[in-house]
């Protein structure tokens, strides 16, 4: 026969906090959580490992930014390869060039074969040798059968916002394709436009990746 359990004795050993203490504890937990979220957001602001990415899903787009229009083929994405990984992969150069060649051909059409077009790119800032955008532009030019002018402009400073470019050579062709691998703020393209504006050339801006969602 089972012995009855004295529930009163068990219940007397359970300590129940008062309502005031429970509310204070809850406030402490909420405050700590808010601090953690704020700290994480702050870290993301300066953490260079939190990079932009691209999954290379085709998203042709005409964008107005920094006072000019440019055409891009891909879009920044949540997932995919980081921009550092993309630039470090040599196989991405022919991939970019082949895709952009087709895109540019579709946009401009038969006028490309009339000898009035060339391609240029934005100035090098950190490299004395050919950078990613330069290598892609060279291959695009070869695929399209048009001239490529390297180092049309140089940059006085390494800053991207408010950059001032100096023109080193002016292409002979009237129509100029200005290519950049990634466009974020559009300030670099705007600086190219300002630099070449006095020469009355027709500029058409293309970007591989539109680096804004």
C-alpha atoms as a PDB file:
ATOM      1  CA  UNK A   1       0.000   0.000   0.000  1.00  0.00           C
ATOM      2  CA  UNK A   2       1.401   3.410  -1.112  1.00  0.00           C
ATOM      3  CA  UNK A   3       2.142   6.006   1.543  1.00  0.00           C
ATOM      4  CA  UNK A   4       0.361   9.334   0.836  1.00  0.00           C
ATOM      5  CA  UNK A   5       2.688  12.232  -0.079  1.00  0.00           C
ATOM      6  CA  UNK A   6       2.451  15.310   2.072  1.00  0.00           C
ATOM      7  CA  UNK A   7       2.146  18.032  -0.645  1.00  0.00           C
ATOM      8  CA  UNK A   8       2.184  20.752   1.967  1.00  0.00           C
ATOM      9  CA  UNK A   9       5.716  19.820   2.952  1.00  0.00           C
ATOM     10  CA  UNK A  10       6.870  19.863  -0.705  1.00  0.00           C
ATOM     11  CA  UNK A  11       5.216  23.165  -1.494  1.00  0.00           C
ATOM     12  CA  UNK A  12       6.707  24.793   1.550  1.00  0.00           C
ATOM     13  CA  UNK A  13      10.200  24.229   0.101  1.00  0.00           C
ATOM     14  CA  UNK A  14       9.428  26.055  -3.177  1.00  0.00           C
ATOM     15  CA  UNK A  15      10.488  29.698  -3.163  1.00  0.00           C
ATOM     16  CA  UNK A  16       8.367  31.989  -5.327  1.00  0.00           C
ATOM     17  CA  UNK A  17       9.822  35.455  -6.037  1.00  0.00           C
ATOM     18  CA  UNK A  18       7.599  38.423  -5.509  1.00  0.00           C
ATOM     19  CA  UNK A  19       6.165  40.232  -8.548  1.00  0.00           C
ATOM     20  CA  UNK A  20       8.414  43.260  -8.090  1.00  0.00           C
ATOM     21  CA  UNK A  21      11.588  41.178  -8.224  1.00  0.00           C
ATOM     22  CA  UNK A  22      10.368  39.310 -11.312  1.00  0.00           C
ATOM     23  CA  UNK A  23       9.667  42.568 -13.165  1.00  0.00           C
ATOM     24  CA  UNK A  24      13.111  43.934 -12.342  1.00  0.00           C
ATOM     25  CA  UNK A  25      14.753  40.723 -13.561  1.00  0.00           C
ATOM     26  CA  UNK A  26      12.773  40.903 -16.822  1.00  0.00           C
ATOM     27  CA  UNK A  27      13.877  44.508 -17.376  1.00  0.00           C
ATOM     28  CA  UNK A  28      17.517  43.491 -16.852  1.00  0.00           C
ATOM     29  CA  UNK A  29      17.179  40.712 -19.441  1.00  0.00           C
ATOM     30  CA  UNK A  30      15.577  43.071 -21.974  1.00  0.00           C
ATOM     31  CA  UNK A  31      18.240  45.737 -21.420  1.00  0.00           C
ATOM     32  CA  UNK A  32      21.025  43.179 -21.896  1.00  0.00           C
ATOM     33  CA  UNK A  33      19.416  41.910 -25.096  1.00  0.00           C
ATOM     34  CA  UNK A  34      19.129  45.454 -26.494  1.00  0.00           C
ATOM     35  CA  UNK A  35      22.782  46.102 -25.659  1.00  0.00           C
ATOM     36  CA  UNK A  36      23.825  42.903 -27.456  1.00  0.00           C
ATOM     37  CA  UNK A  37      21.808  43.797 -30.557  1.00  0.00           C
ATOM     38  CA  UNK A  38      23.232  47.333 -30.604  1.00  0.00           C
ATOM     39  CA  UNK A  39      26.779  46.022 -30.194  1.00  0.00           C
ATOM     40  CA  UNK A  40      26.298  43.559 -33.051  1.00  0.00           C
ATOM     41  CA  UNK A  41      24.958  46.269 -35.355  1.00  0.00           C
ATOM     42  CA  UNK A  42      27.839  48.551 -34.418  1.00  0.00           C
ATOM     43  CA  UNK A  43      30.364  45.785 -35.142  1.00  0.00           C
ATOM     44  CA  UNK A  44      28.851  45.207 -38.571  1.00  0.00           C
ATOM     45  CA  UNK A  45      29.431  48.856 -39.388  1.00  0.00           C
ATOM     46  CA  UNK A  46      33.212  48.541 -39.178  1.00  0.00           C
ATOM     47  CA  UNK A  47      33.756  44.813 -39.560  1.00  0.00           C
ATOM     48  CA  UNK A  48      35.483  44.407 -42.913  1.00  0.00           C
ATOM     49  CA  UNK A  49      34.568  40.714 -43.018  1.00  0.00           C
ATOM     50  CA  UNK A  50      30.930  41.701 -43.612  1.00  0.00           C
ATOM     51  CA  UNK A  51      31.353  42.093 -47.368  1.00  0.00           C
ATOM     52  CA  UNK A  52      28.990  42.663 -50.234  1.00  0.00           C
ATOM     53  CA  UNK A  53      28.138  39.539 -52.209  1.00  0.00           C
ATOM     54  CA  UNK A  54      26.800  38.571 -55.614  1.00  0.00           C
ATOM     55  CA  UNK A  55      25.132  35.315 -56.678  1.00  0.00           C
ATOM     56  CA  UNK A  56      25.352  36.228 -60.400  1.00  0.00           C
ATOM     57  CA  UNK A  57      21.660  35.913 -61.113  1.00  0.00           C
ATOM     58  CA  UNK A  58      21.126  38.066 -64.234  1.00  0.00           C
ATOM     59  CA  UNK A  59      19.300  41.275 -63.298  1.00  0.00           C
ATOM     60  CA  UNK A  60      19.826  43.792 -66.126  1.00  0.00           C
ATOM     61  CA  UNK A  61      18.974  47.233 -64.831  1.00  0.00           C
ATOM     62  CA  UNK A  62      19.145  50.913 -65.720  1.00  0.00           C
ATOM     63  CA  UNK A  63      19.929  52.940 -62.596  1.00  0.00           C
ATOM     64  CA  UNK A  64      20.138  56.657 -61.907  1.00  0.00           C
ATOM     65  CA  UNK A  65      22.645  57.442 -59.176  1.00  0.00           C
ATOM     66  CA  UNK A  66      24.839  60.461 -58.405  1.00  0.00           C
ATOM     67  CA  UNK A  67      23.207  62.379 -61.239  1.00  0.00           C
ATOM     68  CA  UNK A  68      23.866  59.924 -64.066  1.00  0.00           C
ATOM     69  CA  UNK A  69      22.451  56.738 -65.560  1.00  0.00           C
ATOM     70  CA  UNK A  70      24.356  53.472 -65.820  1.00  0.00           C
ATOM     71  CA  UNK A  71      23.488  49.979 -67.010  1.00  0.00           C
ATOM     72  CA  UNK A  72      24.361  46.974 -64.849  1.00  0.00           C
ATOM     73  CA  UNK A  73      23.932  43.255 -65.445  1.00  0.00           C
ATOM     74  CA  UNK A  74      24.157  41.739 -61.949  1.00  0.00           C
ATOM     75  CA  UNK A  75      22.929  42.913 -58.569  1.00  0.00           C
ATOM     76  CA  UNK A  76      24.345  42.777 -55.062  1.00  0.00           C
ATOM     77  CA  UNK A  77      22.751  39.858 -53.183  1.00  0.00           C
ATOM     78  CA  UNK A  78      22.479  38.478 -49.665  1.00  0.00           C
ATOM     79  CA  UNK A  79      24.196  35.224 -50.606  1.00  0.00           C
ATOM     80  CA  UNK A  80      26.899  34.359 -53.114  1.00  0.00           C
ATOM     81  CA  UNK A  81      30.595  35.121 -53.450  1.00  0.00           C
ATOM     82  CA  UNK A  82      32.165  38.136 -51.792  1.00  0.00           C
ATOM     83  CA  UNK A  83      33.604  40.883 -53.964  1.00  0.00           C
ATOM     84  CA  UNK A  84      37.088  40.049 -52.679  1.00  0.00           C
ATOM     85  CA  UNK A  85      36.676  36.421 -53.750  1.00  0.00           C
ATOM     86  CA  UNK A  86      35.396  37.491 -57.156  1.00  0.00           C
ATOM     87  CA  UNK A  87      38.345  39.804 -57.817  1.00  0.00           C
ATOM     88  CA  UNK A  88      40.850  37.173 -56.676  1.00  0.00           C
ATOM     89  CA  UNK A  89      39.525  34.553 -59.111  1.00  0.00           C
ATOM     90  CA  UNK A  90      41.209  34.851 -62.528  1.00  0.00           C
ATOM     91  CA  UNK A  91      38.435  32.823 -64.172  1.00  0.00           C
ATOM     92  CA  UNK A  92      36.012  35.648 -63.395  1.00  0.00           C
ATOM     93  CA  UNK A  93      37.724  37.953 -65.911  1.00  0.00           C
ATOM     94  CA  UNK A  94      36.612  36.032 -69.041  1.00  0.00           C
ATOM     95  CA  UNK A  95      33.255  35.341 -67.373  1.00  0.00           C
ATOM     96  CA  UNK A  96      32.623  39.065 -66.828  1.00  0.00           C
ATOM     97  CA  UNK A  97      33.971  39.966 -70.269  1.00  0.00           C
ATOM     98  CA  UNK A  98      31.887  37.413 -72.172  1.00  0.00           C
ATOM     99  CA  UNK A  99      28.695  38.327 -70.357  1.00  0.00           C
ATOM    100  CA  UNK A 100      29.222  42.076 -70.661  1.00  0.00           C
ATOM    101  CA  UNK A 101      30.116  41.753 -74.359  1.00  0.00           C
ATOM    102  CA  UNK A 102      26.727  40.181 -75.041  1.00  0.00           C
ATOM    103  CA  UNK A 103      24.954  42.735 -72.834  1.00  0.00           C
ATOM    104  CA  UNK A 104      26.647  45.706 -74.515  1.00  0.00           C
ATOM    105  CA  UNK A 105      25.961  44.274 -77.982  1.00  0.00           C
ATOM    106  CA  UNK A 106      22.281  43.882 -77.149  1.00  0.00           C
ATOM    107  CA  UNK A 107      22.062  47.476 -75.894  1.00  0.00           C
ATOM    108  CA  UNK A 108      24.009  49.278 -78.631  1.00  0.00           C
ATOM    109  CA  UNK A 109      23.232  46.970 -81.548  1.00  0.00           C
ATOM    110  CA  UNK A 110      24.723  47.240 -85.061  1.00  0.00           C
ATOM    111  CA  UNK A 111      26.098  50.734 -84.437  1.00  0.00           C
ATOM    112  CA  UNK A 112      29.048  49.070 -82.668  1.00  0.00           C
ATOM    113  CA  UNK A 113      30.466  47.912 -86.005  1.00  0.00           C
ATOM    114  CA  UNK A 114      30.624  51.409 -87.513  1.00  0.00           C
ATOM    115  CA  UNK A 115      34.004  52.295 -86.026  1.00  0.00           C
ATOM    116  CA  UNK A 116      32.763  55.088 -83.772  1.00  0.00           C
ATOM    117  CA  UNK A 117      32.977  53.254 -80.413  1.00  0.00           C
ATOM    118  CA  UNK A 118      35.716  52.517 -77.893  1.00  0.00           C
ATOM    119  CA  UNK A 119      35.872  51.358 -74.279  1.00  0.00           C
ATOM    120  CA  UNK A 120      37.616  52.836 -71.243  1.00  0.00           C
ATOM    121  CA  UNK A 121      37.553  52.134 -67.514  1.00  0.00           C
ATOM    122  CA  UNK A 122      37.945  54.021 -64.265  1.00  0.00           C
ATOM    123  CA  UNK A 123      41.394  54.943 -62.880  1.00  0.00           C
ATOM    124  CA  UNK A 124      43.526  52.596 -60.842  1.00  0.00           C
ATOM    125  CA  UNK A 125      43.865  53.685 -57.225  1.00  0.00           C
ATOM    126  CA  UNK A 126      45.767  50.967 -55.409  1.00  0.00           C
ATOM    127  CA  UNK A 127      47.464  49.167 -58.286  1.00  0.00           C
ATOM    128  CA  UNK A 128      50.224  50.152 -60.648  1.00  0.00           C
ATOM    129  CA  UNK A 129      49.550  47.023 -62.688  1.00  0.00           C
ATOM    130  CA  UNK A 130      46.305  46.125 -64.445  1.00  0.00           C
ATOM    131  CA  UNK A 131      43.431  45.754 -62.017  1.00  0.00           C
ATOM    132  CA  UNK A 132      40.253  43.679 -62.306  1.00  0.00           C
ATOM    133  CA  UNK A 133      38.243  46.273 -64.251  1.00  0.00           C
ATOM    134  CA  UNK A 134      41.132  46.928 -66.655  1.00  0.00           C
ATOM    135  CA  UNK A 135      41.589  43.249 -67.469  1.00  0.00           C
ATOM    136  CA  UNK A 136      37.865  42.830 -68.091  1.00  0.00           C
ATOM    137  CA  UNK A 137      37.727  45.942 -70.296  1.00  0.00           C
ATOM    138  CA  UNK A 138      40.623  44.664 -72.413  1.00  0.00           C
ATOM    139  CA  UNK A 139      38.788  41.424 -73.102  1.00  0.00           C
ATOM    140  CA  UNK A 140      35.465  43.178 -73.786  1.00  0.00           C
ATOM    141  CA  UNK A 141      37.230  45.375 -76.355  1.00  0.00           C
ATOM    142  CA  UNK A 142      38.769  42.361 -78.060  1.00  0.00           C
ATOM    143  CA  UNK A 143      35.433  40.507 -78.169  1.00  0.00           C
ATOM    144  CA  UNK A 144      33.608  43.556 -79.550  1.00  0.00           C
ATOM    145  CA  UNK A 145      36.383  44.464 -81.967  1.00  0.00           C
ATOM    146  CA  UNK A 146      36.704  48.030 -80.673  1.00  0.00           C
ATOM    147  CA  UNK A 147      39.690  49.959 -79.225  1.00  0.00           C
ATOM    148  CA  UNK A 148      40.447  49.962 -75.505  1.00  0.00           C
ATOM    149  CA  UNK A 149      42.179  52.981 -73.982  1.00  0.00           C
ATOM    150  CA  UNK A 150      43.949  52.274 -70.704  1.00  0.00           C
ATOM    151  CA  UNK A 151      44.574  55.029 -68.147  1.00  0.00           C
ATOM    152  CA  UNK A 152      42.442  57.648 -69.877  1.00  0.00           C
ATOM    153  CA  UNK A 153      42.120  59.302 -66.468  1.00  0.00           C
ATOM    154  CA  UNK A 154      44.229  59.280 -63.334  1.00  0.00           C
ATOM    155  CA  UNK A 155      43.028  60.026 -59.823  1.00  0.00           C
ATOM    156  CA  UNK A 156      44.653  62.694 -57.678  1.00  0.00           C
ATOM    157  CA  UNK A 157      43.674  60.920 -54.449  1.00  0.00           C
ATOM    158  CA  UNK A 158      42.636  57.428 -53.400  1.00  0.00           C
ATOM    159  CA  UNK A 159      39.316  58.567 -51.970  1.00  0.00           C
ATOM    160  CA  UNK A 160      36.159  57.474 -53.772  1.00  0.00           C
ATOM    161  CA  UNK A 161      33.755  60.196 -52.669  1.00  0.00           C
ATOM    162  CA  UNK A 162      34.509  63.567 -54.222  1.00  0.00           C
ATOM    163  CA  UNK A 163      37.375  62.168 -56.297  1.00  0.00           C
ATOM    164  CA  UNK A 164      39.018  64.413 -58.892  1.00  0.00           C
ATOM    165  CA  UNK A 165      40.251  62.792 -62.111  1.00  0.00           C
ATOM    166  CA  UNK A 166      42.760  64.228 -64.573  1.00  0.00           C
ATOM    167  CA  UNK A 167      42.505  63.321 -68.266  1.00  0.00           C
ATOM    168  CA  UNK A 168      45.730  61.819 -69.648  1.00  0.00           C
ATOM    169  CA  UNK A 169      44.525  60.921 -73.143  1.00  0.00           C
ATOM    170  CA  UNK A 170      41.333  61.574 -75.080  1.00  0.00           C
ATOM    171  CA  UNK A 171      40.019  58.707 -77.234  1.00  0.00           C
ATOM    172  CA  UNK A 172      39.621  59.425 -80.944  1.00  0.00           C
ATOM    173  CA  UNK A 173      36.188  57.821 -81.069  1.00  0.00           C
ATOM    174  CA  UNK A 174      33.116  59.955 -80.469  1.00  0.00           C
ATOM    175  CA  UNK A 175      31.211  57.292 -78.511  1.00  0.00           C
ATOM    176  CA  UNK A 176      32.805  55.938 -75.348  1.00  0.00           C
ATOM    177  CA  UNK A 177      31.750  52.943 -73.252  1.00  0.00           C
ATOM    178  CA  UNK A 178      32.920  53.570 -69.686  1.00  0.00           C
ATOM    179  CA  UNK A 179      33.029  50.264 -67.795  1.00  0.00           C
ATOM    180  CA  UNK A 180      33.434  49.643 -64.071  1.00  0.00           C
ATOM    181  CA  UNK A 181      33.335  46.228 -62.428  1.00  0.00           C
ATOM    182  CA  UNK A 182      31.281  47.318 -59.370  1.00  0.00           C
ATOM    183  CA  UNK A 183      29.286  50.496 -58.814  1.00  0.00           C
ATOM    184  CA  UNK A 184      28.164  51.446 -55.303  1.00  0.00           C
ATOM    185  CA  UNK A 185      27.638  55.193 -54.905  1.00  0.00           C
ATOM    186  CA  UNK A 186      28.214  56.161 -58.535  1.00  0.00           C
ATOM    187  CA  UNK A 187      30.774  58.779 -57.461  1.00  0.00           C
ATOM    188  CA  UNK A 188      33.551  57.235 -59.569  1.00  0.00           C
ATOM    189  CA  UNK A 189      31.445  57.317 -62.725  1.00  0.00           C
ATOM    190  CA  UNK A 190      30.406  60.875 -61.899  1.00  0.00           C
ATOM    191  CA  UNK A 191      34.079  61.867 -61.653  1.00  0.00           C
ATOM    192  CA  UNK A 192      34.708  60.296 -65.080  1.00  0.00           C
ATOM    193  CA  UNK A 193      31.808  62.267 -66.530  1.00  0.00           C
ATOM    194  CA  UNK A 194      33.115  65.544 -65.067  1.00  0.00           C
ATOM    195  CA  UNK A 195      36.615  64.905 -66.390  1.00  0.00           C
ATOM    196  CA  UNK A 196      35.559  64.075 -69.959  1.00  0.00           C
ATOM    197  CA  UNK A 197      32.666  66.517 -70.284  1.00  0.00           C
ATOM    198  CA  UNK A 198      34.774  69.325 -71.810  1.00  0.00           C
ATOM    199  CA  UNK A 199      35.680  67.059 -74.754  1.00  0.00           C
ATOM    200  CA  UNK A 200      32.065  66.664 -75.949  1.00  0.00           C
ATOM    201  CA  UNK A 201      32.170  62.873 -76.126  1.00  0.00           C
ATOM    202  CA  UNK A 202      29.131  60.620 -75.823  1.00  0.00           C
ATOM    203  CA  UNK A 203      29.566  58.514 -72.681  1.00  0.00           C
ATOM    204  CA  UNK A 204      27.620  55.324 -72.014  1.00  0.00           C
ATOM    205  CA  UNK A 205      28.227  53.831 -68.558  1.00  0.00           C
ATOM    206  CA  UNK A 206      28.175  50.092 -67.868  1.00  0.00           C
ATOM    207  CA  UNK A 207      28.785  48.156 -64.659  1.00  0.00           C
ATOM    208  CA  UNK A 208      29.154  44.457 -64.010  1.00  0.00           C
ATOM    209  CA  UNK A 209      27.602  44.497 -60.530  1.00  0.00           C
ATOM    210  CA  UNK A 210      25.224  47.102 -59.136  1.00  0.00           C
ATOM    211  CA  UNK A 211      26.516  47.068 -55.570  1.00  0.00           C
ATOM    212  CA  UNK A 212      23.296  48.203 -53.886  1.00  0.00           C
ATOM    213  CA  UNK A 213      20.189  46.167 -53.121  1.00  0.00           C
END
